Amino acid sequence: MPPRTVVIGVDSSTQSTKAAVTDTETGELLAVGRAPHVVTGEGGARESDPEVWWRALCDAVAAGLKESGLSASSVVGIAVAGQQHGLVVLDRSGRPLRPALLWNDTRSAPQATALTAALGGPEAWTARTGSVPVAAMTATKWQWLRENDPANAEATAAVRLPHDFLTERLAGTAATDPGDASGTCWYSTDTGGYDTELLGLLGLDVSMLPPIATTGATRIGSLTASAAEALGLPAGIAVAAGTGDNMSAAVGLGLGGAGLLDHPVLSLGTSGTVFAASRTRPASTALSGFAAADGTYLPLACTLNCTLAVDKVATLLGLHRDDAAPGGEAVLLPYLDGERTPDVPTASGLLTGLRHDTTPQQLLGAAYEGAAYTVLRALDELLRACGLDPADPEVAGRPLRLIGGGAQGRTWVETVRRLSGRPLIVPGSGELVALGAAALAASAAGGGDPVAVATRWNAKAEDAQLPSVERDTEAWDRIGSVLDRATRPLLGG
């Protein structure tokens, strides 16, 4: 019997790094090492030191290998999937000039508005990049840096996304992939490359950006001797281009553009996202028209406030996160950090509908409902943008795949089930972002198409399938009415 070989799929998220030691043949997660990140900032600021990500990656890989009990010599490849949109600026030696601006840093909202107008409006941006600038997008953060930290902007020799920064540390070679690059608003999903006119608008030279690999599975180099020493891995193993976290989750699920929105996915994490694989390039101002890691497309809508916001409400109430009940007449929009969909970056949380008999458990349930409603309404926007009617019984009856940390929480699952009225599938494969990265690594090491690899791995997983329940239209309409009234002035309606 040939010796067991493994790959390491890295999920470098907002809050932590996970390193999944994965059997290349079966996809079994043999171990998952973890290490925390540090996020700083008040108000709209959210920043992290990229060097913390690198140290966390080293610690997580070491922990994963130790837990697996395997020798480092069994590792044949590594790939990083990272939080999207973050802005990393480097000096000429490849060191960060300042903390990275994270995707959920909303200070660049004014720059997003100005950039949108500078190109002629939302439709002009959508036609070229697939997305409209919002505070999350990297281009707006670069513009904010130029205006608010001009010394570091002027000293910048290279601009990277979070996963690009880590991949370059691994291979010693700069590279990105179409999926993560499509979240910058300086990559064109129409041409499949950087948009030189947009770079001119932003004062960016293309030489400051990493080359774009064909796919996230492309082998862009080998693990350098210095990185191998830091990680405790063999030098020379395959390093894949990697991708963004949402794109990697799609790979982990085995989604590769088989059809238009056959498998809508709802991810409950720090942010709430809905996406699906498509072979058709989406073009709508209502969503982010991202590229996928495999060269197809990944139409996506993202909300800023999800599990962390609800956990904050639970902490304020002194409750366990699952000590919740349906909200009754109470409505709580947990927009504690502004919001992205709807695009109200200066919004704050809103609580209304209190009665003498409102309980703390109902208030926590209302927070769940407000967050779930926001992301489910974003799903409706995504469906409409792709030519589907959310009210069509056939469309509304399609199963919704539920992933992310929230998918493991009983109250999250039941709230989504009740407000959506859809059957749910909770995939049996855990750590889907890391699993997708592992599939990219396996492909880079010579294992074939990454989506096919993940599909083969998933064939052995046991998914939880939950039938639909009657939709709570009363709660849906109540929350929608409050949201529309609250955001109308902010959206200019």
Foldseek 3Di string as FASTA:
>chain_A
DDDWAWEWFWEAELFWIWIFTATLQQRDRLFIFIDTFDWDDPALFTWGALVRSQLRVLRGLVRRCVSSVDALARYFWYEYAYAAAKKFFAAPVLHGPDTIGALRRQPLQVLLVVVQVVQPHLQSLCQFLVERRGSSANLSVLLCCCVPVVVSNVRGQAIDTSRQSNLCLFFVAGEAEQQRVSRHSQAGPVVRGGNVVVCVVSVHDCSRYHYYDDFQLAFPGWGDPVNCVSNVHDTGRTYGNHHYLVLLLCLLVLADAPADPLAWEWEAAQKIKIKHWHQDQFRDHLWRFGAHRQGGTITMHIKRHGDVLLVVLCVVLVHDLQLADAQPQKAKQSCCQAIPVVRGRNDHIDIDRDDPPGDSRNVSNNHLLNRLLSNVVSVQSSQVSVPHHCPPCVNLAREYEYAYPLLPPPSNVVSNLQASQYKYKDQQDHPSSSSSRRLSTSVNSPNDDSSVSSVSNSVPGDIDIGHHDHHPVVSSVSNVVVVCVVCCVSVVD
